[in-house]
PDB file of all heavy atoms in Angstrom:
ATOM      1  N   LYS A   1      98.222 106.117 118.494  1.00  0.00           N
ATOM      2  CA  LYS A   1      96.846 105.660 118.129  1.00  0.00           C
ATOM      3  C   LYS A   1      96.587 104.261 118.720  1.00  0.00           C
ATOM      4  O   LYS A   1      95.501 103.683 118.359  1.00  0.00           O
ATOM      5  CB  LYS A   1      96.582 105.707 116.665  1.00  0.00           C
ATOM      6  CG  LYS A   1      96.657 107.103 116.077  1.00  0.00           C
ATOM      7  CD  LYS A   1      96.211 107.135 114.685  1.00  0.00           C
ATOM      8  CE  LYS A   1      96.194 108.570 114.115  1.00  0.00           C
ATOM      9  NZ  LYS A   1      95.733 108.642 112.660  1.00  0.00           N
ATOM     10  N   ASN A   2      97.451 103.755 119.577  1.00  0.00           N
ATOM     11  CA  ASN A   2      97.234 102.414 120.096  1.00  0.00           C
ATOM     12  C   ASN A   2      96.254 102.581 121.313  1.00  0.00           C
ATOM     13  O   ASN A   2      96.700 102.432 122.456  1.00  0.00           O
ATOM     14  CB  ASN A   2      98.583 101.764 120.566  1.00  0.00           C
ATOM     15  CG  ASN A   2      98.396 100.277 120.832  1.00  0.00           C
ATOM     16  OD1 ASN A   2      97.320  99.794 121.039  1.00  0.00           O
ATOM     17  ND2 ASN A   2      99.522  99.557 120.817  1.00  0.00           N
ATOM     18  N   ILE A   3      94.953 102.779 121.044  1.00  0.00           N
ATOM     19  CA  ILE A   3      94.028 103.115 122.018  1.00  0.00           C
ATOM     20  C   ILE A   3      93.794 101.913 122.961  1.00  0.00           C
ATOM     21  O   ILE A   3      93.681 102.141 124.154  1.00  0.00           O
ATOM     22  CB  ILE A   3      92.672 103.543 121.378  1.00  0.00           C
ATOM     23  CG1 ILE A   3      92.918 104.640 120.298  1.00  0.00           C
ATOM     24  CG2 ILE A   3      91.616 103.984 122.330  1.00  0.00           C
ATOM     25  CD1 ILE A   3      93.556 105.846 120.880  1.00  0.00           C
ATOM     26  N   LYS A   4      93.697 100.755 122.452  1.00  0.00           N
ATOM     27  CA  LYS A   4      93.387  99.540 123.247  1.00  0.00           C
ATOM     28  C   LYS A   4      94.431  99.351 124.319  1.00  0.00           C
ATOM     29  O   LYS A   4      94.147  99.105 125.498  1.00  0.00           O
ATOM     30  CB  LYS A   4      93.237  98.330 122.378  1.00  0.00           C
ATOM     31  CG  LYS A   4      91.936  98.330 121.542  1.00  0.00           C
ATOM     32  CD  LYS A   4      91.813  97.061 120.725  1.00  0.00           C
ATOM     33  CE  LYS A   4      90.465  97.074 119.933  1.00  0.00           C
ATOM     34  NZ  LYS A   4      90.248  95.820 119.204  1.00  0.00           N
ATOM     35  N   LEU A   5      95.715  99.414 123.953  1.00  0.00           N
ATOM     36  CA  LEU A   5      96.755  99.230 124.901  1.00  0.00           C
ATOM     37  C   LEU A   5      96.871 100.395 125.866  1.00  0.00           C
ATOM     38  O   LEU A   5      97.028 100.140 127.095  1.00  0.00           O
ATOM     39  CB  LEU A   5      98.109  99.087 124.182  1.00  0.00           C
ATOM     40  CG  LEU A   5      99.368  98.908 125.086  1.00  0.00           C
ATOM     41  CD1 LEU A   5      99.098  97.695 126.004  1.00  0.00           C
ATOM     42  CD2 LEU A   5     100.657  98.681 124.253  1.00  0.00           C
ATOM     43  N   LEU A   6      96.646 101.561 125.421  1.00  0.00           N
ATOM     44  CA  LEU A   6      96.633 102.759 126.343  1.00  0.00           C
ATOM     45  C   LEU A   6      95.517 102.608 127.365  1.00  0.00           C
ATOM     46  O   LEU A   6      95.680 102.888 128.553  1.00  0.00           O
ATOM     47  CB  LEU A   6      96.594 104.062 125.588  1.00  0.00           C
ATOM     48  CG  LEU A   6      96.655 105.352 126.405  1.00  0.00           C
ATOM     49  CD1 LEU A   6      97.934 105.379 127.203  1.00  0.00           C
ATOM     50  CD2 LEU A   6      96.509 106.584 125.506  1.00  0.00           C
ATOM     51  N   GLU A   7      94.383 102.131 126.931  1.00  0.00           N
ATOM     52  CA  GLU A   7      93.269 101.987 127.896  1.00  0.00           C
ATOM     53  C   GLU A   7      93.570 100.911 128.911  1.00  0.00           C
ATOM     54  O   GLU A   7      93.406 101.083 130.108  1.00  0.00           O
ATOM     55  CB  GLU A   7      91.973 101.504 127.101  1.00  0.00           C
ATOM     56  CG  GLU A   7      90.813 101.278 128.108  1.00  0.00           C
ATOM     57  CD  GLU A   7      89.646 100.561 127.445  1.00  0.00           C
ATOM     58  OE1 GLU A   7      89.659 100.398 126.215  1.00  0.00           O
ATOM     59  OE2 GLU A   7      88.710 100.253 128.158  1.00  0.00           O
ATOM     60  N   MET A   8      94.221  99.803 128.489  1.00  0.00           N
ATOM     61  CA  MET A   8      94.705  98.801 129.512  1.00  0.00           C
ATOM     62  C   MET A   8      95.661  99.389 130.455  1.00  0.00           C
ATOM     63  O   MET A   8      95.616  99.167 131.733  1.00  0.00           O
ATOM     64  CB  MET A   8      95.273  97.630 128.723  1.00  0.00           C
ATOM     65  CG  MET A   8      94.312  96.822 127.884  1.00  0.00           C
ATOM     66  SD  MET A   8      95.129  95.557 126.847  1.00  0.00           S
ATOM     67  CE  MET A   8      95.938  94.575 128.039  1.00  0.00           C
ATOM     68  N   GLN A   9      96.666 100.185 129.988  1.00  0.00           N
ATOM     69  CA  GLN A   9      97.624 100.739 130.870  1.00  0.00           C
ATOM     70  C   GLN A   9      96.925 101.747 131.857  1.00  0.00           C
ATOM     71  O   GLN A   9      97.276 101.815 133.038  1.00  0.00           O
ATOM     72  CB  GLN A   9      98.671 101.529 130.026  1.00  0.00           C
ATOM     73  CG  GLN A   9      99.598 100.625 129.210  1.00  0.00           C
ATOM     74  CD  GLN A   9     100.426 101.372 128.330  1.00  0.00           C
ATOM     75  OE1 GLN A   9     100.318 102.596 128.070  1.00  0.00           O
ATOM     76  NE2 GLN A   9     101.481 100.702 127.753  1.00  0.00           N
ATOM     77  N   ALA A  10      95.996 102.523 131.330  1.00  0.00           N
ATOM     78  CA  ALA A  10      95.303 103.485 132.217  1.00  0.00           C
ATOM     79  C   ALA A  10      94.473 102.753 133.288  1.00  0.00           C
ATOM     80  O   ALA A  10      94.523 103.241 134.407  1.00  0.00           O
ATOM     81  CB  ALA A  10      94.385 104.384 131.282  1.00  0.00           C
ATOM     82  N   ARG A  11      93.843 101.695 132.947  1.00  0.00           N
ATOM     83  CA  ARG A  11      93.112 100.999 133.972  1.00  0.00           C
ATOM     84  C   ARG A  11      93.935 100.282 134.991  1.00  0.00           C
ATOM     85  O   ARG A  11      93.609 100.230 136.176  1.00  0.00           O
ATOM     86  CB  ARG A  11      92.218  99.932 133.307  1.00  0.00           C
ATOM     87  CG  ARG A  11      91.067 100.491 132.455  1.00  0.00           C
ATOM     88  CD  ARG A  11      90.084  99.529 131.939  1.00  0.00           C
ATOM     89  NE  ARG A  11      88.941 100.092 131.224  1.00  0.00           N
ATOM     90  CZ  ARG A  11      87.964 100.641 131.831  1.00  0.00           C
ATOM     91  NH1 ARG A  11      87.836 100.593 133.087  1.00  0.00           N
ATOM     92  NH2 ARG A  11      86.993 101.261 131.134  1.00  0.00           N
ATOM     93  N   GLU A  12      95.169  99.891 134.601  1.00  0.00           N
ATOM     94  CA  GLU A  12      96.060  99.310 135.529  1.00  0.00           C
ATOM     95  C   GLU A  12      96.800 100.293 136.437  1.00  0.00           C
ATOM     96  O   GLU A  12      96.850 100.118 137.700  1.00  0.00           O
ATOM     97  CB  GLU A  12      97.123  98.462 134.823  1.00  0.00           C
ATOM     98  CG  GLU A  12      98.214  97.792 135.735  1.00  0.00           C
ATOM     99  CD  GLU A  12      99.239  97.033 135.114  1.00  0.00           C
ATOM    100  OE1 GLU A  12      99.168  96.941 133.768  1.00  0.00           O
ATOM    101  OE2 GLU A  12     100.111  96.441 135.771  1.00  0.00           O
ATOM    102  N   PHE A  13      97.275 101.414 135.915  1.00  0.00           N
ATOM    103  CA  PHE A  13      98.101 102.347 136.589  1.00  0.00           C
ATOM    104  C   PHE A  13      97.339 103.601 137.109  1.00  0.00           C
ATOM    105  O   PHE A  13      97.905 104.360 137.936  1.00  0.00           O
ATOM    106  CB  PHE A  13      99.319 102.795 135.814  1.00  0.00           C
ATOM    107  CG  PHE A  13     100.304 101.654 135.555  1.00  0.00           C
ATOM    108  CD1 PHE A  13     100.216 100.885 134.357  1.00  0.00           C
ATOM    109  CD2 PHE A  13     101.251 101.272 136.491  1.00  0.00           C
ATOM    110  CE1 PHE A  13     101.104  99.835 134.171  1.00  0.00           C
ATOM    111  CE2 PHE A  13     102.105 100.170 136.320  1.00  0.00           C
ATOM    112  CZ  PHE A  13     102.092  99.519 135.119  1.00  0.00           C
ATOM    113  N   MET A  14      96.164 103.799 136.599  1.00  0.00           N
ATOM    114  CA  MET A  14      95.316 104.869 137.081  1.00  0.00           C
ATOM    115  C   MET A  14      96.077 106.291 137.114  1.00  0.00           C
ATOM    116  O   MET A  14      96.157 106.899 138.130  1.00  0.00           O
ATOM    117  CB  MET A  14      94.764 104.597 138.517  1.00  0.00           C
ATOM    118  CG  MET A  14      93.771 103.486 138.506  1.00  0.00           C
ATOM    119  SD  MET A  14      92.298 103.802 137.496  1.00  0.00           S
ATOM    120  CE  MET A  14      91.532 105.118 138.381  1.00  0.00           C
ATOM    121  N   PRO A  15      96.519 106.619 135.975  1.00  0.00           N
ATOM    122  CA  PRO A  15      97.190 107.976 135.885  1.00  0.00           C
ATOM    123  C   PRO A  15      96.147 109.140 136.018  1.00  0.00           C
ATOM    124  O   PRO A  15      94.918 108.830 135.870  1.00  0.00           O
ATOM    125  CB  PRO A  15      97.828 108.021 134.470  1.00  0.00           C
ATOM    126  CG  PRO A  15      96.949 107.162 133.643  1.00  0.00           C
ATOM    127  CD  PRO A  15      96.541 106.004 134.654  1.00  0.00           C
ATOM    128  N   LEU A  16      96.615 110.311 136.239  1.00  0.00           N
ATOM    129  CA  LEU A  16      95.627 111.439 136.301  1.00  0.00           C
ATOM    130  C   LEU A  16      95.176 111.756 134.903  1.00  0.00           C
ATOM    131  O   LEU A  16      94.044 112.319 134.743  1.00  0.00           O
ATOM    132  CB  LEU A  16      96.368 112.659 136.939  1.00  0.00           C
ATOM    133  CG  LEU A  16      96.760 112.493 138.384  1.00  0.00           C
ATOM    134  CD1 LEU A  16      97.497 113.725 138.775  1.00  0.00           C
ATOM    135  CD2 LEU A  16      95.613 112.193 139.267  1.00  0.00           C
ATOM    136  N   ARG A  17      96.002 111.596 133.888  1.00  0.00           N
ATOM    137  CA  ARG A  17      95.700 111.996 132.491  1.00  0.00           C
ATOM    138  C   ARG A  17      96.336 111.010 131.499  1.00  0.00           C
ATOM    139  O   ARG A  17      97.369 110.463 131.750  1.00  0.00           O
ATOM    140  CB  ARG A  17      96.086 113.379 132.273  1.00  0.00           C
ATOM    141  CG  ARG A  17      97.537 113.679 132.267  1.00  0.00           C
ATOM    142  CD  ARG A  17      97.871 115.157 132.218  1.00  0.00           C
ATOM    143  NE  ARG A  17      97.305 115.825 133.384  1.00  0.00           N
ATOM    144  CZ  ARG A  17      97.891 115.845 134.530  1.00  0.00           C
ATOM    145  NH1 ARG A  17      99.042 115.102 134.803  1.00  0.00           N
ATOM    146  NH2 ARG A  17      97.405 116.546 135.644  1.00  0.00           N
ATOM    147  N   VAL A  18      95.693 110.904 130.344  1.00  0.00           N
ATOM    148  CA  VAL A  18      96.295 110.250 129.188  1.00  0.00           C
ATOM    149  C   VAL A  18      96.199 111.129 127.966  1.00  0.00           C
ATOM    150  O   VAL A  18      95.235 112.016 127.956  1.00  0.00           O
ATOM    151  CB  VAL A  18      95.668 108.884 128.940  1.00  0.00           C
ATOM    152  CG1 VAL A  18      95.921 107.901 130.083  1.00  0.00           C
ATOM    153  CG2 VAL A  18      94.144 109.036 128.684  1.00  0.00           C
ATOM    154  N   SER A  19      97.000 110.973 126.946  1.00  0.00           N
ATOM    155  CA  SER A  19      96.858 111.777 125.768  1.00  0.00           C
ATOM    156  C   SER A  19      97.173 110.916 124.550  1.00  0.00           C
ATOM    157  O   SER A  19      97.997 109.901 124.661  1.00  0.00           O
ATOM    158  CB  SER A  19      97.900 112.889 125.840  1.00  0.00           C
ATOM    159  OG  SER A  19      97.824 113.694 124.681  1.00  0.00           O
ATOM    160  N   VAL A  20      96.473 111.182 123.470  1.00  0.00           N
ATOM    161  CA  VAL A  20      96.641 110.524 122.232  1.00  0.00           C
ATOM    162  C   VAL A  20      96.902 111.487 121.067  1.00  0.00           C
ATOM    163  O   VAL A  20      96.915 112.706 121.290  1.00  0.00           O
ATOM    164  CB  VAL A  20      95.419 109.653 121.909  1.00  0.00           C
ATOM    165  CG1 VAL A  20      95.331 108.475 122.845  1.00  0.00           C
ATOM    166  CG2 VAL A  20      94.148 110.488 121.938  1.00  0.00           C
ATOM    167  N   SER A  21      97.218 111.036 119.880  1.00  0.00           N
ATOM    168  CA  SER A  21      97.635 111.946 118.821  1.00  0.00           C
ATOM    169  C   SER A  21      96.606 112.814 118.222  1.00  0.00           C
ATOM    170  O   SER A  21      96.885 113.926 117.819  1.00  0.00           O
ATOM    171  CB  SER A  21      98.279 111.125 117.693  1.00  0.00           C
ATOM    172  OG  SER A  21      97.302 110.157 117.150  1.00  0.00           O
ATOM    173  N   ASP A  22      95.343 112.309 118.141  1.00  0.00           N
ATOM    174  CA  ASP A  22      94.289 113.194 117.455  1.00  0.00           C
ATOM    175  C   ASP A  22      92.970 113.187 118.209  1.00  0.00           C
ATOM    176  O   ASP A  22      92.782 112.359 119.075  1.00  0.00           O
ATOM    177  CB  ASP A  22      94.130 112.593 116.020  1.00  0.00           C
ATOM    178  CG  ASP A  22      93.695 111.148 116.055  1.00  0.00           C
ATOM    179  OD1 ASP A  22      92.463 110.907 116.146  1.00  0.00           O
ATOM    180  OD2 ASP A  22      94.603 110.312 115.985  1.00  0.00           O
ATOM    181  N   GLU A  23      92.168 114.014 117.816  1.00  0.00           N
ATOM    182  CA  GLU A  23      90.899 114.296 118.519  1.00  0.00           C
ATOM    183  C   GLU A  23      89.967 113.054 118.382  1.00  0.00           C
ATOM    184  O   GLU A  23      89.226 112.739 119.373  1.00  0.00           O
ATOM    185  CB  GLU A  23      90.146 115.536 117.960  1.00  0.00           C
ATOM    186  CG  GLU A  23      88.925 115.957 118.747  1.00  0.00           C
ATOM    187  CD  GLU A  23      88.377 117.234 118.250  1.00  0.00           C
ATOM    188  OE1 GLU A  23      88.815 117.750 117.149  1.00  0.00           O
ATOM    189  OE2 GLU A  23      87.496 117.798 118.928  1.00  0.00           O
ATOM    190  N   GLU A  24      89.924 112.402 117.220  1.00  0.00           N
ATOM    191  CA  GLU A  24      89.028 111.291 117.068  1.00  0.00           C
ATOM    192  C   GLU A  24      89.434 110.115 117.986  1.00  0.00           C
ATOM    193  O   GLU A  24      88.595 109.553 118.608  1.00  0.00           O
ATOM    194  CB  GLU A  24      89.158 110.840 115.605  1.00  0.00           C
ATOM    195  CG  GLU A  24      88.003 109.833 115.181  1.00  0.00           C
ATOM    196  CD  GLU A  24      86.623 110.458 115.307  1.00  0.00           C
ATOM    197  OE1 GLU A  24      86.426 111.676 115.009  1.00  0.00           O
ATOM    198  OE2 GLU A  24      85.735 109.675 115.618  1.00  0.00           O
ATOM    199  N   SER A  25      90.751 109.906 118.090  1.00  0.00           N
ATOM    200  CA  SER A  25      91.244 108.878 119.016  1.00  0.00           C
ATOM    201  C   SER A  25      90.859 109.178 120.482  1.00  0.00           C
ATOM    202  O   SER A  25      90.539 108.339 121.315  1.00  0.00           O
ATOM    203  CB  SER A  25      92.714 108.625 118.884  1.00  0.00           C
ATOM    204  OG  SER A  25      93.005 108.149 117.565  1.00  0.00           O
ATOM    205  N   ALA A  26      90.971 110.485 120.780  1.00  0.00           N
ATOM    206  CA  ALA A  26      90.725 110.972 122.147  1.00  0.00           C
ATOM    207  C   ALA A  26      89.216 110.737 122.443  1.00  0.00           C
ATOM    208  O   ALA A  26      88.903 110.303 123.617  1.00  0.00           O
ATOM    209  CB  ALA A  26      91.035 112.456 122.298  1.00  0.00           C
ATOM    210  N   LYS A  27      88.298 110.951 121.522  1.00  0.00           N
ATOM    211  CA  LYS A  27      86.894 110.711 121.699  1.00  0.00           C
ATOM    212  C   LYS A  27      86.656 109.258 121.997  1.00  0.00           C
ATOM    213  O   LYS A  27      85.879 108.880 122.928  1.00  0.00           O
ATOM    214  CB  LYS A  27      86.066 111.204 120.529  1.00  0.00           C
ATOM    215  CG  LYS A  27      85.974 112.685 120.420  1.00  0.00           C
ATOM    216  CD  LYS A  27      85.153 113.082 119.154  1.00  0.00           C
ATOM    217  CE  LYS A  27      85.167 114.595 118.999  1.00  0.00           C
ATOM    218  NZ  LYS A  27      84.394 115.014 117.754  1.00  0.00           N
ATOM    219  N   GLU A  28      87.364 108.429 121.235  1.00  0.00           N
ATOM    220  CA  GLU A  28      87.196 106.928 121.380  1.00  0.00           C
ATOM    221  C   GLU A  28      87.617 106.486 122.715  1.00  0.00           C
ATOM    222  O   GLU A  28      86.963 105.717 123.453  1.00  0.00           O
ATOM    223  CB  GLU A  28      87.907 106.228 120.240  1.00  0.00           C
ATOM    224  CG  GLU A  28      87.821 104.755 120.339  1.00  0.00           C
ATOM    225  CD  GLU A  28      88.592 103.999 119.217  1.00  0.00           C
ATOM    226  OE1 GLU A  28      88.867 104.666 118.225  1.00  0.00           O
ATOM    227  OE2 GLU A  28      88.926 102.819 119.403  1.00  0.00           O
ATOM    228  N   LEU A  29      88.814 106.991 123.145  1.00  0.00           N
ATOM    229  CA  LEU A  29      89.427 106.592 124.440  1.00  0.00           C
ATOM    230  C   LEU A  29      88.526 107.167 125.637  1.00  0.00           C
ATOM    231  O   LEU A  29      88.353 106.479 126.600  1.00  0.00           O
ATOM    232  CB  LEU A  29      90.844 107.066 124.509  1.00  0.00           C
ATOM    233  CG  LEU A  29      91.595 106.682 125.778  1.00  0.00           C
ATOM    234  CD1 LEU A  29      91.710 105.179 125.841  1.00  0.00           C
ATOM    235  CD2 LEU A  29      92.999 107.258 125.757  1.00  0.00           C
ATOM    236  N   LYS A  30      88.073 108.308 125.469  1.00  0.00           N
ATOM    237  CA  LYS A  30      87.249 108.975 126.531  1.00  0.00           C
ATOM    238  C   LYS A  30      86.054 108.106 126.801  1.00  0.00           C
ATOM    239  O   LYS A  30      85.555 107.931 127.932  1.00  0.00           O
ATOM    240  CB  LYS A  30      86.915 110.425 126.122  1.00  0.00           C
ATOM    241  CG  LYS A  30      86.255 111.212 127.281  1.00  0.00           C
ATOM    242  CD  LYS A  30      86.102 112.735 126.932  1.00  0.00           C
ATOM    243  CE  LYS A  30      85.667 113.498 128.151  1.00  0.00           C
ATOM    244  NZ  LYS A  30      85.580 114.979 127.857  1.00  0.00           N
ATOM    245  N   ALA A  31      85.388 107.655 125.674  1.00  0.00           N
ATOM    246  CA  ALA A  31      84.230 106.856 125.873  1.00  0.00           C
ATOM    247  C   ALA A  31      84.584 105.552 126.560  1.00  0.00           C
ATOM    248  O   ALA A  31      83.772 105.040 127.398  1.00  0.00           O
ATOM    249  CB  ALA A  31      83.639 106.577 124.478  1.00  0.00           C
TER     250      ALA A  31
END
């Protein structure tokens, strides 16, 4: 559920996909 850090990692490394533990966190990260 560490959405902020995962977002920073995603922006730096540009993976094809990211995943989190629950749907609510996924909605927040997707936004």
